[in-house]
Amino acid sequence: MAMLTVRNLPAEVHRALALRAAQRGHSMEAEVRNILATAVTPSGRVRLGALLAELGQQSRLTEEEWTVFDQVRDRTPARHVNIE
């Protein structure tokens, strides 16, 4: 994991960051990570895992139906596709 040092941070920014972190129950370091991640993550990004989980919840399958589904699914490992 990479490290980052921020120099010459104005005192008022430091205080505001400390307050924001405290309000959210985070450390300042965790709050800065959250702010940076939010700033650089594309807003239109599709989160495939979350999308699939939501579809699964909407399906309203019974436990028995899930068991059948799991038994018949293809477990063959995906093969590498060369797109060049």
C-alpha atoms as a PDB file:
ATOM      1  CA  MET A   1       0.000   0.000   0.000  1.00  0.00           C
ATOM      2  CA  ALA A   2       1.280   3.465  -0.865  1.00  0.00           C
ATOM      3  CA  MET A   3       1.944   6.279   1.572  1.00  0.00           C
ATOM      4  CA  LEU A   4       1.326   9.978   1.044  1.00  0.00           C
ATOM      5  CA  THR A   5       2.549  12.989   2.997  1.00  0.00           C
ATOM      6  CA  VAL A   6       0.725  16.314   2.715  1.00  0.00           C
ATOM      7  CA  ARG A   7       2.798  19.338   3.625  1.00  0.00           C
ATOM      8  CA  ASN A   8       1.767  22.925   4.281  1.00  0.00           C
ATOM      9  CA  LEU A   9      -1.839  22.080   5.125  1.00  0.00           C
ATOM     10  CA  PRO A  10      -3.498  25.267   6.390  1.00  0.00           C
ATOM     11  CA  ALA A  11      -4.553  25.144  10.046  1.00  0.00           C
ATOM     12  CA  GLU A  12      -8.196  25.826   9.189  1.00  0.00           C
ATOM     13  CA  VAL A  13      -8.246  22.870   6.763  1.00  0.00           C
ATOM     14  CA  HIS A  14      -6.673  20.662   9.435  1.00  0.00           C
ATOM     15  CA  ARG A  15      -9.310  21.722  11.989  1.00  0.00           C
ATOM     16  CA  ALA A  16     -12.162  21.191   9.510  1.00  0.00           C
ATOM     17  CA  LEU A  17     -10.790  17.761   8.631  1.00  0.00           C
ATOM     18  CA  ALA A  18     -10.501  16.815  12.309  1.00  0.00           C
ATOM     19  CA  LEU A  19     -14.085  17.948  12.924  1.00  0.00           C
ATOM     20  CA  ARG A  20     -15.408  16.074   9.881  1.00  0.00           C
ATOM     21  CA  ALA A  21     -13.599  12.895  10.956  1.00  0.00           C
ATOM     22  CA  ALA A  22     -14.928  13.171  14.511  1.00  0.00           C
ATOM     23  CA  GLN A  23     -18.498  13.690  13.267  1.00  0.00           C
ATOM     24  CA  ARG A  24     -18.257  10.483  11.252  1.00  0.00           C
ATOM     25  CA  GLY A  25     -16.475   8.533  13.977  1.00  0.00           C
ATOM     26  CA  HIS A  26     -13.346   8.143  11.844  1.00  0.00           C
ATOM     27  CA  SER A  27      -9.716   8.886  12.409  1.00  0.00           C
ATOM     28  CA  MET A  28      -8.363  11.781  10.357  1.00  0.00           C
ATOM     29  CA  GLU A  29      -6.370   9.304   8.298  1.00  0.00           C
ATOM     30  CA  ALA A  30      -9.467   7.213   7.524  1.00  0.00           C
ATOM     31  CA  GLU A  31     -11.417  10.348   6.638  1.00  0.00           C
ATOM     32  CA  VAL A  32      -8.700  11.520   4.227  1.00  0.00           C
ATOM     33  CA  ARG A  33      -8.694   8.072   2.567  1.00  0.00           C
ATOM     34  CA  ASN A  34     -12.464   8.276   2.198  1.00  0.00           C
ATOM     35  CA  ILE A  35     -12.336  11.794   0.741  1.00  0.00           C
ATOM     36  CA  LEU A  36      -9.615  10.849  -1.745  1.00  0.00           C
ATOM     37  CA  ALA A  37     -11.359   7.640  -2.814  1.00  0.00           C
ATOM     38  CA  THR A  38     -14.612   9.515  -3.377  1.00  0.00           C
ATOM     39  CA  ALA A  39     -12.841  12.242  -5.335  1.00  0.00           C
ATOM     40  CA  VAL A  40     -11.151   9.889  -7.796  1.00  0.00           C
ATOM     41  CA  THR A  41     -13.826   7.196  -8.209  1.00  0.00           C
ATOM     42  CA  PRO A  42     -15.851   7.677 -11.393  1.00  0.00           C
ATOM     43  CA  SER A  43     -19.450   8.484 -10.493  1.00  0.00           C
ATOM     44  CA  GLY A  44     -20.944   6.362 -13.266  1.00  0.00           C
ATOM     45  CA  ARG A  45     -18.961   3.256 -12.356  1.00  0.00           C
ATOM     46  CA  VAL A  46     -20.939   0.044 -12.271  1.00  0.00           C
ATOM     47  CA  ARG A  47     -20.165  -2.095  -9.250  1.00  0.00           C
ATOM     48  CA  LEU A  48     -20.754  -5.567 -10.624  1.00  0.00           C
ATOM     49  CA  GLY A  49     -20.728  -7.359  -7.268  1.00  0.00           C
ATOM     50  CA  ALA A  50     -23.314  -4.994  -5.769  1.00  0.00           C
ATOM     51  CA  LEU A  51     -25.435  -5.242  -8.904  1.00  0.00           C
ATOM     52  CA  LEU A  52     -25.404  -9.044  -8.823  1.00  0.00           C
ATOM     53  CA  ALA A  53     -26.221  -9.108  -5.102  1.00  0.00           C
ATOM     54  CA  GLU A  54     -29.165  -6.789  -5.708  1.00  0.00           C
ATOM     55  CA  LEU A  55     -30.445  -9.000  -8.527  1.00  0.00           C
ATOM     56  CA  GLY A  56     -30.170 -12.029  -6.266  1.00  0.00           C
ATOM     57  CA  GLN A  57     -32.203 -10.301  -3.557  1.00  0.00           C
ATOM     58  CA  GLN A  58     -34.858  -9.270  -6.054  1.00  0.00           C
ATOM     59  CA  SER A  59     -35.194 -12.821  -7.382  1.00  0.00           C
ATOM     60  CA  ARG A  60     -36.830 -13.958  -4.113  1.00  0.00           C
ATOM     61  CA  LEU A  61     -35.752 -17.565  -4.701  1.00  0.00           C
ATOM     62  CA  THR A  62     -36.384 -20.012  -1.894  1.00  0.00           C
ATOM     63  CA  GLU A  63     -33.495 -21.808  -0.192  1.00  0.00           C
ATOM     64  CA  GLU A  64     -34.504 -24.974  -2.068  1.00  0.00           C
ATOM     65  CA  GLU A  65     -34.393 -23.147  -5.428  1.00  0.00           C
ATOM     66  CA  TRP A  66     -30.945 -21.735  -4.603  1.00  0.00           C
ATOM     67  CA  THR A  67     -29.728 -25.237  -3.764  1.00  0.00           C
ATOM     68  CA  VAL A  68     -30.924 -26.570  -7.140  1.00  0.00           C
ATOM     69  CA  PHE A  69     -29.344 -23.605  -8.902  1.00  0.00           C
ATOM     70  CA  ASP A  70     -26.040 -24.206  -7.135  1.00  0.00           C
ATOM     71  CA  GLN A  71     -26.074 -27.909  -8.044  1.00  0.00           C
ATOM     72  CA  VAL A  72     -26.561 -27.347 -11.773  1.00  0.00           C
ATOM     73  CA  ARG A  73     -24.296 -24.359 -12.344  1.00  0.00           C
ATOM     74  CA  ASP A  74     -21.251 -24.772 -14.556  1.00  0.00           C
ATOM     75  CA  ARG A  75     -18.095 -24.881 -12.436  1.00  0.00           C
ATOM     76  CA  THR A  76     -15.691 -24.954 -15.379  1.00  0.00           C
ATOM     77  CA  PRO A  77     -12.994 -22.326 -14.817  1.00  0.00           C
ATOM     78  CA  ALA A  78     -13.244 -19.378 -17.168  1.00  0.00           C
ATOM     79  CA  ARG A  79     -10.665 -19.378 -19.932  1.00  0.00           C
ATOM     80  CA  HIS A  80      -8.448 -16.437 -20.752  1.00  0.00           C
ATOM     81  CA  VAL A  81      -9.629 -14.424 -23.744  1.00  0.00           C
ATOM     82  CA  ASN A  82      -7.053 -12.617 -25.859  1.00  0.00           C
ATOM     83  CA  ILE A  83      -8.556  -9.418 -27.253  1.00  0.00           C
ATOM     84  CA  GLU A  84      -5.537  -8.349 -29.264  1.00  0.00           C
END
